Amino acid sequence: MKKPLLAFQIFVLLLVLQAVAPLGSLAQTAERRTSIGINTSVLQYKGNFGSDYWKFTSNKQYAPGVALNQYLTRGLDLNAQLFYGELSGQTTPTTRFSTTLVNANLGLKLKLNNGWALKERFPIQPYVLAGGGWTFATRAGQPDSNRFEENHGYLDVLLGAGINLRLGGGLSLFVQSSQHTPLRANLDGSREASTPRWSDRFLQHTVGLTFNLGQLPDQDEDGVPDAKDKCPNTSRDVDVNEHGCPLDDDEDGVPNYQDQCPDQAGTAATNGCPDTDNDGVDDTDDVCPEVPGKPELHGCPDTDNDGIADQDDKCPDTPTGVDVDGNGCPTAVVTAPAAPEDTDGDGVPNAEDRCPERPGPAANQGCPEVNAATRRRLQEATKLIGFELNKTTLLQASYPTLDTLTRILNEYPDYSLSIAGHTDSRGPAAFNLRLSRERAATARQYILTQGIADNRVELRGYGAQQPLASNETEAGRAQNRRVEFDLYLTGNPSAAQVKYGAEPTLTSTAPTKAKPGKTAPVKKAAPAKRPARKTATSKRRPSKPASANRKKAASRPAPRAAAKRTN
């Protein structure tokens, strides 16, 4: 009879713990704060048969147990325990008892590593414990020379203390001692009238391991938990180091995903590329990489300031203000019929030269051609400009790329910038068309705040009408969600007009509601506050040191994590 009844009692206790377990999921926060544990205990009896308190002898039996612990606050945990054990005592060969018990209890654990006494992450974590529970007991013996055997259950009160030792990786070791006091129960079967029924009690000395459940939060999904992430708002597709910050292989302060020369140390002003002569022109574009020069002359010096680089200047000491030809020499006075005026000496007469003061080939209407490195940067800008999900708000990582576009426009004053926004095919067509145009407008507005003239930046929105790839796959849709940047000579048809034709128009002016479960479009994000230049053709600013760029980045709005985008 005893064994079936004990099995039933254990089953009931397991159901009780199952009911307590959901407290962990209900109380979970952003941290991994629910743990389970296994342990073993030594039980020491005290009552009418004497006291075994603090007597650790070799014949003691070990009591196995399990526990569930849930973080509530920095100083308080909820603790549930279940254990099975045996108590016994004997005064004479005929006066003895043995009690087998199963105990389930629930208590509150007051932690000293609460941020006041000790730091919350301190490896040694003392605590005190108080609670209560229910015990099923099977008792047998002959304490009063009367043999008996019986089953009973009772409430008990638990008081204890312990120490938790963090081992790392979510694993902890704990030791704990607690006293169980039954309420109006008799552990040893003694029925002496002079003995209070609550005089029986026992100590439980426990050692065990606990395991944290769940995963640590990682807001930017870079694989580094927020608690260790020194760059918690890194874009999801950016490779990071063990501290959660973007990789910077050449350690020049420019992360790899923004570094045009990731294997060579450079400066932020030159997009991470080396600039040996510190003239603001990276060595890959610098025709004179070891001599400081002017950006408009591809990094070469112009000693007499006549607009002709010294290595091409056949008259390097021409007085200031004297008109010179393409060789840098004073223009000769001729009496013969004057040849067509060619101010920049590029072989294209001023009357046909779209850029009469800057040399360029006739095939480009006499204007300087955009070099290959700059065209590469324009193509990469499409991949580096990002927005928040279904919004027009720029991601923080987009600003350095927009700054690069501003520098390119200053380097090529005869060119204008075409901005074309595109989306994938998901969502209403009107919403996608509006979203693509407003995103292009957000990028344009930021560039205008950097001093670029309004008539040099043109925008268009094409929605999902100009895909680059199939919208049937996620990879294709990701390729179709883009903002394209192209240079074209001012006065010519825009690059977007040439590639895609006229901008589509909305068929309805009514606002398009977002589908259920999707984020509705929002208002345009306000442009970052930056000091504007006076005109687009004003004097180019000197390159700022890296520290200045860091200050400018610090003034931008705090970044947000990039959600998995649909458009």
Foldseek 3Di string as FASTA:
>chain_A
DVVVVVVVVVVVLVVVVVVVVCVQVVQDDLFLFKKKKKKKKFKWKDDPQHTCPPPDDPPTDIKIKMKIWGDRALFKIKIKMKIWGKDKGDDDPQAIKIKTKIKIKIWMKGKCCSCVNRPSPPQKIKIKIWTKTKMWMWMFHQNPSDTDTDIDMFIWIKIKIKIWGDPDPQKIKMKMKMKIFTDQDARHPDDDPVGRSRRIIMMIIMIIMMGGDDDNDQFQCQPAHPVQAPPRADANPAHDDNSNHGDQQQPQPQHPLQAPCSVHAPFLLASRAHQQQQQSAHPVQAPCRNHAPHVLQSRAHQQQPQQAGPVQAPCSPDHPPAQDACSNHGDDDDPPPDDQDQRNNQPQHPVQALCSPAADHVVQSRFHDDDPVVVVLLVVLFVQWDAAALELHTFLSNVSSLVVVLVVCLSRVQKAKEKEFEAADPDDQLSQQVSRQLNSVLSLVQSVQAAEDPLRYHYAYAYNPDFPADSPDPVRRVRRGTMGMDMDGPPDPDPCCVVPNDHDDDPDPDQDAGDPPGDHYDDHDDHQDDHYDDHNNPDDDGRDGNVVVVVVSVSGPDGHRHDDYND
